[in-house]
Amino acid sequence: MGWFGTAKSEEKPDPVARQSRQKCWESRDAYYVCLDAAGVVAPGEEGNVCAAPKADYERNCAKSWIDYFNKRRVLAEQQQGILAQANTQANAAKRT
């Protein structure tokens, strides 16, 4: 191959293109559905259970997006627990 070779090793997602973003979100959602079905909160802790959806997710999304989405998933789960506890305490305070 010369200086201006045309061989592509792998197409990278273009975060600016609407179609690339949509494909990323769809593959993220499919991966998260698999994680939910496996009872896994933190992505990457599922072992080989969700290998195919994870591969699509990693192929269709930029690494920075994957890091962001995965952190948001864990934070959202933590927030649900905190909100549930706060509601329980608020309801208990109303009764007294």
Protein backbone atom coordinates (compact mmCIF):
# COMPACT_ATOMS: atom_id res chain seq x y z
CA MET A 1 0.00 0.00 0.00
CA GLY A 2 1.26 3.49 -0.83
CA TRP A 3 0.97 6.83 0.83
CA PHE A 4 -2.64 7.30 -0.13
CA GLY A 5 -4.01 3.79 0.43
CA THR A 6 -7.75 3.36 0.28
CA ALA A 7 -8.07 0.34 2.55
CA LYS A 8 -10.28 0.91 5.58
CA SER A 9 -9.61 -1.21 8.62
CA GLU A 10 -12.88 -0.31 10.30
CA GLU A 11 -15.47 2.42 9.90
CA LYS A 12 -15.66 4.67 12.93
CA PRO A 13 -18.93 6.26 13.99
CA ASP A 14 -19.39 9.89 13.02
CA PRO A 15 -20.97 11.54 16.09
CA VAL A 16 -22.03 14.51 13.96
CA ALA A 17 -24.13 12.47 11.54
CA ARG A 18 -27.72 11.94 12.65
CA GLN A 19 -27.77 8.36 11.34
CA SER A 20 -24.65 7.50 13.34
CA ARG A 21 -26.14 8.92 16.52
CA GLN A 22 -29.40 7.05 15.96
CA LYS A 23 -27.53 3.80 15.35
CA CYS A 24 -25.52 4.37 18.53
CA TRP A 25 -28.62 5.01 20.63
CA GLU A 26 -30.39 1.96 19.23
CA SER A 27 -27.44 -0.32 19.94
CA ARG A 28 -27.06 1.21 23.43
CA ASP A 29 -30.73 0.58 24.16
CA ALA A 30 -30.49 -3.03 22.96
CA TYR A 31 -27.42 -3.61 25.14
CA TYR A 32 -29.13 -2.07 28.18
CA VAL A 33 -32.23 -4.22 27.65
CA CYS A 34 -29.96 -7.25 27.73
CA LEU A 35 -28.28 -5.97 30.91
CA ASP A 36 -31.68 -5.39 32.52
CA ALA A 37 -32.76 -8.92 31.62
CA ALA A 38 -29.54 -10.27 33.17
CA GLY A 39 -30.01 -8.13 36.29
CA VAL A 40 -26.77 -6.21 35.76
CA VAL A 41 -26.52 -2.51 36.63
CA ALA A 42 -22.92 -1.69 35.75
CA PRO A 43 -22.03 -2.36 32.11
CA GLY A 44 -19.05 -4.65 31.74
CA GLU A 45 -19.97 -6.85 34.70
CA GLU A 46 -22.22 -9.17 32.71
CA GLY A 47 -19.56 -11.59 31.51
CA ASN A 48 -20.47 -13.18 28.17
CA VAL A 49 -24.24 -12.88 28.63
CA CYS A 50 -24.65 -9.82 26.39
CA ALA A 51 -21.67 -10.28 24.07
CA ALA A 52 -23.47 -9.61 20.76
CA PRO A 53 -25.33 -6.44 21.86
CA LYS A 54 -22.17 -5.18 23.57
CA ALA A 55 -20.13 -5.66 20.39
CA ASP A 56 -22.73 -3.68 18.40
CA TYR A 57 -22.74 -0.96 21.06
CA GLU A 58 -18.96 -0.65 21.01
CA ARG A 59 -18.86 -0.67 17.22
CA ASN A 60 -21.60 1.94 16.73
CA CYS A 61 -20.70 4.43 19.47
CA ALA A 62 -17.68 6.61 20.11
CA LYS A 63 -15.66 5.60 23.18
CA SER A 64 -16.38 8.91 24.91
CA TRP A 65 -20.11 8.33 24.45
CA ILE A 66 -19.88 4.79 25.80
CA ASP A 67 -18.07 6.04 28.91
CA TYR A 68 -20.71 8.75 29.41
CA PHE A 69 -23.73 6.47 28.87
CA ASN A 70 -22.34 3.78 31.17
CA LYS A 71 -21.64 6.26 33.98
CA ARG A 72 -25.12 7.76 33.58
CA ARG A 73 -26.69 4.29 33.82
CA VAL A 74 -24.97 3.57 37.14
CA LEU A 75 -25.75 7.04 38.51
CA ALA A 76 -29.42 6.76 37.52
CA GLU A 77 -29.68 3.46 39.39
CA GLN A 78 -28.10 5.00 42.49
CA GLN A 79 -30.43 7.99 42.28
CA GLN A 80 -33.49 5.73 42.15
CA GLY A 81 -32.46 4.13 45.43
CA ILE A 82 -31.86 7.50 47.07
CA LEU A 83 -35.19 8.88 45.83
CA ALA A 84 -37.06 5.81 47.06
CA GLN A 85 -35.48 6.20 50.49
CA ALA A 86 -36.33 9.91 50.57
CA ASN A 87 -39.97 9.18 49.66
CA THR A 88 -40.19 6.58 52.39
CA GLN A 89 -38.83 9.03 54.93
CA ALA A 90 -41.18 11.80 53.74
CA ASN A 91 -44.20 9.50 54.01
CA ALA A 92 -43.13 8.41 57.50
CA ALA A 93 -42.77 12.04 58.56
CA LYS A 94 -46.29 12.84 57.31
CA ARG A 95 -47.79 10.08 59.47
CA THR A 96 -46.31 11.39 62.70
